[in-house]
Amino acid sequence: MKKFLTKIAIYTFFILLIGNGIAYLSLYVLGKSQLYKNQFVKNGVKETHFDYVVLGSSTGLTTLDTKLIDKILNTSGLNISMDDTSLSSHYLMLQYFLSLGKSIDQLILCVTPSDLQNPVNELNNNDYRFLTEVQDTLIYNYYNRMEHGGLKVLTYSKFMPILGVSYYNNELFYPSMYAFLKPTKRNRFDDKGNYTYPQIENRIEKGIVTNIETSYLNPSFLKIKKLCKQKAIDLIVYQSPIHRKNVVFPNTDQFKIINHSRILPEDLFFDNIHVNSKGRTFCTLAFCKELSK
């Protein structure tokens, strides 16, 4: 029995050793690529200063076209939005962006009413994409703070990368093999970080226009506002179009609000909260007009 248990222990040790070695290589290769937005910001963006960045979730990714903004206003901008995230991830992305030695004059923060007034921050679906930087104290502390209960897969990946890579194998392991072959390939965004939904006819149900009153309760929003003040960054809160919804913001003189919740014609929506390619141009032109005032 003792001999049997010894063999089991030895086999387990070597399996974990090999598994962690493969996982480490997967994260290393992915971390040297430009596949996801945080790797793109680190490896694909050579400039160190921008006039502005657009930061948000999928609405930030698809509503404002930084190339068109730069063409009209003669500016230099970048879209660092990441889909399927919320303000907690936006704050992390902003911190990470600045930690790379980059700077900006303006932050265009794309928000959603429910997220803005949510007093509780949670881990987001695509936060695993920062796992390539888990050795960074900033990323590790974020995972450790945001993961609650059970096995902290992302947090403990700092010591055993096999945990995160095996759990998110479809999003990390297989993409790392693709990144090895094409390290400059980007996941659904262009060389300025933008993405657009196709021009198709939407099937949104009609209805009456209703008001949504929001508030500034989200802890990460307050941290973003504080960080902007510390870094002398001009904060601009941008509300993208929402189908048949009018977002009402509390009055404030602490930052500028550009509220486009009700500017978009219905045929330029892709779905209830996203615009199509023509809708993106429409919103970008309206944004430039508002900003130039």
Protein backbone atom coordinates (compact mmCIF):
# COMPACT_ATOMS: atom_id res chain seq x y z
CA MET A 1 0.00 0.00 0.00
CA LYS A 2 2.82 2.40 0.89
CA LYS A 3 4.51 1.72 -2.45
CA PHE A 4 1.24 2.31 -4.26
CA LEU A 5 0.62 5.64 -2.51
CA THR A 6 4.18 6.70 -3.24
CA LYS A 7 3.69 6.06 -6.95
CA ILE A 8 0.41 7.96 -6.92
CA ALA A 9 2.14 10.92 -5.25
CA ILE A 10 4.97 10.84 -7.79
CA TYR A 11 2.61 10.62 -10.75
CA THR A 12 0.46 13.45 -9.36
CA PHE A 13 3.55 15.61 -8.87
CA PHE A 14 4.73 15.14 -12.44
CA ILE A 15 1.24 15.64 -13.88
CA LEU A 16 0.91 18.94 -12.01
CA LEU A 17 4.44 19.94 -12.99
CA ILE A 18 3.82 19.28 -16.67
CA GLY A 19 0.32 20.80 -16.53
CA ASN A 20 1.56 23.99 -14.88
CA GLY A 21 4.41 24.17 -17.38
CA ILE A 22 1.98 24.02 -20.30
CA ALA A 23 -0.33 26.55 -18.63
CA TYR A 24 2.59 28.91 -17.99
CA LEU A 25 3.64 28.70 -21.64
CA SER A 26 0.05 29.34 -22.75
CA LEU A 27 -0.17 32.51 -20.66
CA TYR A 28 3.31 33.58 -21.74
CA VAL A 29 2.51 33.24 -25.45
CA LEU A 30 -0.87 34.95 -25.04
CA GLY A 31 0.75 37.70 -22.99
CA LYS A 32 3.14 38.48 -25.84
CA SER A 33 0.32 38.71 -28.38
CA GLN A 34 -2.25 41.38 -29.23
CA LEU A 35 -5.29 39.10 -29.11
CA TYR A 36 -7.26 40.63 -26.24
CA LYS A 37 -7.54 44.32 -25.42
CA ASN A 38 -5.14 44.38 -22.46
CA GLN A 39 -2.44 42.54 -24.47
CA PHE A 40 -3.07 44.93 -27.37
CA VAL A 41 -2.60 47.95 -25.10
CA LYS A 42 0.68 46.51 -23.82
CA ASN A 43 2.18 45.05 -27.00
CA GLY A 44 0.43 46.72 -29.91
CA VAL A 45 0.24 50.37 -28.84
CA LYS A 46 3.61 52.10 -29.14
CA GLU A 47 2.40 55.64 -28.45
CA THR A 48 2.69 56.80 -24.84
CA HIS A 49 0.37 59.82 -24.92
CA PHE A 50 -3.14 60.26 -26.30
CA ASP A 51 -5.51 63.19 -26.27
CA TYR A 52 -8.22 60.80 -25.06
CA VAL A 53 -9.23 57.18 -24.65
CA VAL A 54 -12.70 55.67 -24.91
CA LEU A 55 -13.32 53.27 -22.03
CA GLY A 56 -16.37 51.09 -21.45
CA SER A 57 -17.99 47.75 -22.22
CA SER A 58 -19.40 46.64 -25.58
CA THR A 59 -21.30 49.93 -25.92
CA GLY A 60 -18.04 51.84 -25.62
CA LEU A 61 -16.39 49.44 -28.04
CA THR A 62 -19.00 49.87 -30.76
CA THR A 63 -20.60 53.34 -30.43
CA LEU A 64 -17.72 55.80 -30.88
CA ASP A 65 -15.21 55.49 -33.72
CA THR A 66 -11.89 56.98 -32.60
CA LYS A 67 -10.59 57.09 -36.18
CA LEU A 68 -13.48 59.31 -37.24
CA ILE A 69 -13.14 61.46 -34.12
CA ASP A 70 -9.45 62.00 -34.84
CA LYS A 71 -10.15 62.84 -38.46
CA ILE A 72 -12.76 65.47 -37.57
CA LEU A 73 -11.17 67.00 -34.47
CA ASN A 74 -7.51 66.45 -35.41
CA THR A 75 -6.85 64.50 -32.21
CA SER A 76 -5.11 61.29 -31.20
CA GLY A 77 -7.34 58.73 -29.49
CA LEU A 78 -7.60 55.06 -28.62
CA ASN A 79 -10.48 52.76 -27.70
CA ILE A 80 -9.57 50.57 -24.71
CA SER A 81 -13.12 49.28 -24.10
CA MET A 82 -13.58 45.57 -23.48
CA ASP A 83 -16.87 43.77 -24.12
CA ASP A 84 -18.88 42.05 -21.38
CA THR A 85 -17.42 44.11 -18.54
CA SER A 86 -18.60 46.73 -16.04
CA LEU A 87 -17.15 49.68 -14.14
CA SER A 88 -14.95 47.50 -11.93
CA SER A 89 -13.14 46.22 -15.05
CA HIS A 90 -13.06 49.74 -16.51
CA TYR A 91 -11.26 50.98 -13.43
CA LEU A 92 -8.79 48.09 -13.69
CA MET A 93 -8.19 48.79 -17.38
CA LEU A 94 -7.57 52.48 -16.69
CA GLN A 95 -5.12 51.64 -13.90
CA TYR A 96 -3.36 49.10 -16.10
CA PHE A 97 -3.18 51.52 -19.03
CA LEU A 98 -1.59 54.20 -16.86
CA SER A 99 0.76 51.68 -15.21
CA LEU A 100 2.30 51.03 -18.64
CA GLY A 101 3.62 54.58 -18.63
CA LYS A 102 0.89 55.94 -20.89
CA SER A 103 -0.96 59.20 -20.34
CA ILE A 104 -4.12 60.95 -21.56
CA ASP A 105 -5.74 64.36 -21.38
CA GLN A 106 -9.35 63.14 -21.45
CA LEU A 107 -11.18 59.98 -20.44
CA ILE A 108 -14.43 59.29 -22.29
CA LEU A 109 -16.16 56.86 -19.94
CA CYS A 110 -19.08 55.03 -21.57
CA VAL A 111 -21.60 54.04 -18.90
CA THR A 112 -24.87 52.18 -18.50
CA PRO A 113 -27.52 53.33 -15.99
CA SER A 114 -27.79 50.04 -14.11
CA ASP A 115 -24.03 49.74 -13.70
CA LEU A 116 -23.59 53.37 -12.70
CA GLN A 117 -26.03 53.06 -9.80
CA ASN A 118 -25.01 49.55 -8.70
CA PRO A 119 -23.40 49.83 -5.23
CA VAL A 120 -21.81 46.36 -5.49
CA ASN A 121 -18.88 45.50 -7.74
CA GLU A 122 -18.47 41.95 -9.02
CA LEU A 123 -16.06 39.96 -11.15
CA ASN A 124 -16.92 40.28 -14.84
CA ASN A 125 -17.18 37.58 -17.51
CA ASN A 126 -14.09 38.67 -19.44
CA ASP A 127 -11.81 39.52 -16.51
CA TYR A 128 -9.95 36.26 -17.19
CA ARG A 129 -8.22 38.08 -20.07
CA PHE A 130 -5.99 39.82 -17.53
CA LEU A 131 -4.74 36.42 -16.34
CA THR A 132 -1.64 36.82 -18.53
CA GLU A 133 -0.61 39.59 -16.11
CA VAL A 134 -1.52 37.81 -12.87
CA GLN A 135 2.05 38.24 -11.61
CA ASP A 136 1.43 42.00 -11.68
CA THR A 137 0.44 43.15 -8.19
CA LEU A 138 -2.33 45.32 -9.64
CA ILE A 139 -4.01 42.37 -11.38
CA TYR A 140 -3.44 39.92 -8.54
CA ASN A 141 -4.94 42.27 -5.96
CA TYR A 142 -7.97 42.83 -8.21
CA TYR A 143 -8.62 39.08 -8.49
CA ASN A 144 -8.06 38.56 -4.79
CA ARG A 145 -10.48 41.34 -3.93
CA MET A 146 -13.18 40.40 -6.42
CA GLU A 147 -13.29 36.60 -6.10
CA HIS A 148 -15.46 35.41 -3.21
CA GLY A 149 -16.11 31.93 -1.86
CA GLY A 150 -14.83 28.57 -3.08
CA LEU A 151 -11.56 28.14 -4.93
CA LYS A 152 -10.20 31.46 -6.16
CA VAL A 153 -9.27 30.19 -9.60
CA LEU A 154 -7.94 33.47 -10.97
CA THR A 155 -6.20 34.56 -7.78
CA TYR A 156 -4.39 31.28 -7.16
CA SER A 157 -3.32 31.09 -10.79
CA LYS A 158 -0.44 33.29 -9.73
CA PHE A 159 1.02 30.21 -8.06
CA MET A 160 -0.64 27.44 -10.10
CA PRO A 161 -1.45 28.74 -13.61
CA ILE A 162 -3.06 25.40 -14.48
CA LEU A 163 -6.10 26.49 -12.43
CA GLY A 164 -7.07 29.43 -14.61
CA VAL A 165 -5.95 27.99 -17.92
CA SER A 166 -7.84 24.72 -17.41
CA TYR A 167 -10.97 26.52 -16.15
CA TYR A 168 -10.94 29.01 -19.05
CA ASN A 169 -9.39 26.62 -21.58
CA ASN A 170 -11.58 27.72 -24.50
CA GLU A 171 -10.72 31.36 -23.86
CA LEU A 172 -7.03 30.99 -22.93
CA PHE A 173 -5.43 27.67 -23.93
CA TYR A 174 -6.76 27.33 -27.47
CA PRO A 175 -6.40 31.07 -28.25
CA SER A 176 -2.78 30.88 -27.07
CA MET A 177 -2.04 28.32 -29.80
CA TYR A 178 -3.60 30.66 -32.33
CA ALA A 179 -1.64 33.60 -30.88
CA PHE A 180 1.56 31.59 -31.26
CA LEU A 181 0.93 31.36 -35.00
CA LYS A 182 -0.45 34.90 -35.40
CA PRO A 183 0.77 37.08 -32.50
CA THR A 184 -0.51 40.33 -34.05
CA LYS A 185 -4.06 39.05 -34.60
CA ARG A 186 -6.69 41.04 -32.69
CA ASN A 187 -9.97 39.69 -31.34
CA ARG A 188 -12.73 41.74 -32.97
CA PHE A 189 -11.21 45.23 -32.89
CA ASP A 190 -9.08 47.31 -35.26
CA ASP A 191 -5.68 48.96 -34.82
CA LYS A 192 -7.31 51.75 -32.78
CA GLY A 193 -9.34 49.39 -30.61
CA ASN A 194 -12.71 49.93 -32.34
CA TYR A 195 -15.33 47.40 -33.42
CA THR A 196 -18.69 47.74 -35.14
CA TYR A 197 -21.78 45.59 -35.49
CA PRO A 198 -22.98 44.90 -39.06
CA GLN A 199 -25.60 46.90 -40.90
CA ILE A 200 -28.64 44.62 -40.65
CA GLU A 201 -32.32 45.22 -40.03
CA ASN A 202 -33.07 44.99 -36.31
CA ARG A 203 -36.09 43.17 -34.93
CA ILE A 204 -36.61 45.30 -31.84
CA GLU A 205 -40.14 45.42 -30.50
CA LYS A 206 -41.80 48.81 -30.49
CA GLY A 207 -42.90 50.51 -27.31
CA ILE A 208 -43.30 53.82 -25.53
CA VAL A 209 -40.34 55.92 -24.42
CA THR A 210 -39.66 55.66 -20.68
CA ASN A 211 -37.29 57.53 -18.40
CA ILE A 212 -34.44 55.90 -16.48
CA GLU A 213 -33.13 57.88 -13.54
CA THR A 214 -29.60 56.96 -12.58
CA SER A 215 -27.17 57.92 -9.82
CA TYR A 216 -23.45 57.75 -9.03
CA LEU A 217 -23.37 54.93 -6.48
CA ASN A 218 -20.92 52.56 -8.11
CA PRO A 219 -17.69 52.40 -6.03
CA SER A 220 -15.54 51.88 -9.12
CA PHE A 221 -17.03 54.97 -10.78
CA LEU A 222 -16.09 57.01 -7.73
CA LYS A 223 -12.56 55.55 -7.89
CA ILE A 224 -12.29 56.42 -11.59
CA LYS A 225 -13.39 59.97 -10.84
CA LYS A 226 -10.82 60.23 -8.04
CA LEU A 227 -8.03 58.80 -10.22
CA CYS A 228 -8.84 61.25 -13.00
CA LYS A 229 -8.59 64.12 -10.55
CA GLN A 230 -5.24 62.86 -9.24
CA LYS A 231 -3.83 62.50 -12.76
CA ALA A 232 -5.34 65.78 -14.06
CA ILE A 233 -7.47 63.88 -16.57
CA ASP A 234 -10.64 65.53 -17.85
CA LEU A 235 -13.51 63.07 -17.25
CA ILE A 236 -16.34 62.94 -19.79
CA VAL A 237 -19.24 60.60 -19.04
CA TYR A 238 -20.87 59.34 -22.22
CA GLN A 239 -24.28 57.67 -22.39
CA SER A 240 -24.77 55.74 -25.63
CA PRO A 241 -28.23 55.29 -27.23
CA ILE A 242 -30.75 52.94 -25.60
CA HIS A 243 -33.83 51.95 -27.53
CA ARG A 244 -36.93 53.82 -26.31
CA LYS A 245 -35.18 54.91 -23.10
CA ASN A 246 -34.32 58.40 -21.89
CA VAL A 247 -31.59 58.39 -19.26
CA VAL A 248 -31.79 61.16 -16.65
CA PHE A 249 -28.54 62.07 -14.90
CA PRO A 250 -28.23 63.97 -11.61
CA ASN A 251 -26.86 67.46 -12.09
CA THR A 252 -23.14 67.82 -11.44
CA ASP A 253 -20.38 70.28 -12.22
CA GLN A 254 -17.59 67.79 -11.43
CA PHE A 255 -17.47 66.31 -14.93
CA LYS A 256 -19.04 66.72 -18.36
CA ILE A 257 -21.96 64.50 -19.40
CA ILE A 258 -22.82 63.78 -23.03
CA ASN A 259 -26.18 62.05 -23.01
CA HIS A 260 -27.06 60.38 -26.31
CA SER A 261 -29.63 57.98 -24.93
CA ARG A 262 -32.36 59.37 -27.20
CA ILE A 263 -30.57 60.72 -30.29
CA LEU A 264 -30.52 57.63 -32.52
CA PRO A 265 -33.16 56.81 -35.19
CA GLU A 266 -34.62 53.37 -34.56
CA ASP A 267 -33.34 51.86 -37.80
CA LEU A 268 -29.74 52.53 -36.72
CA PHE A 269 -29.93 50.21 -33.71
CA PHE A 270 -28.40 46.73 -33.90
CA ASP A 271 -30.23 45.68 -30.75
CA ASN A 272 -31.67 47.44 -27.70
CA ILE A 273 -28.34 48.87 -26.50
CA HIS A 274 -25.96 48.58 -29.46
CA VAL A 275 -25.76 50.59 -32.66
CA ASN A 276 -25.03 49.24 -36.12
CA SER A 277 -22.26 50.54 -38.40
CA LYS A 278 -24.30 53.52 -39.66
CA GLY A 279 -25.44 54.18 -36.11
CA ARG A 280 -21.81 54.35 -35.00
CA THR A 281 -21.08 57.03 -37.60
CA PHE A 282 -24.21 58.93 -36.57
CA CYS A 283 -23.24 58.85 -32.88
CA THR A 284 -19.61 59.72 -33.55
CA LEU A 285 -20.54 62.78 -35.59
CA ALA A 286 -22.98 63.91 -32.89
CA PHE A 287 -20.31 63.33 -30.24
CA CYS A 288 -17.77 65.42 -32.14
CA LYS A 289 -20.30 68.23 -32.52
CA GLU A 290 -21.04 68.12 -28.79
CA LEU A 291 -17.36 67.96 -27.84
CA SER A 292 -16.38 70.84 -30.13
CA LYS A 293 -18.74 73.16 -28.23
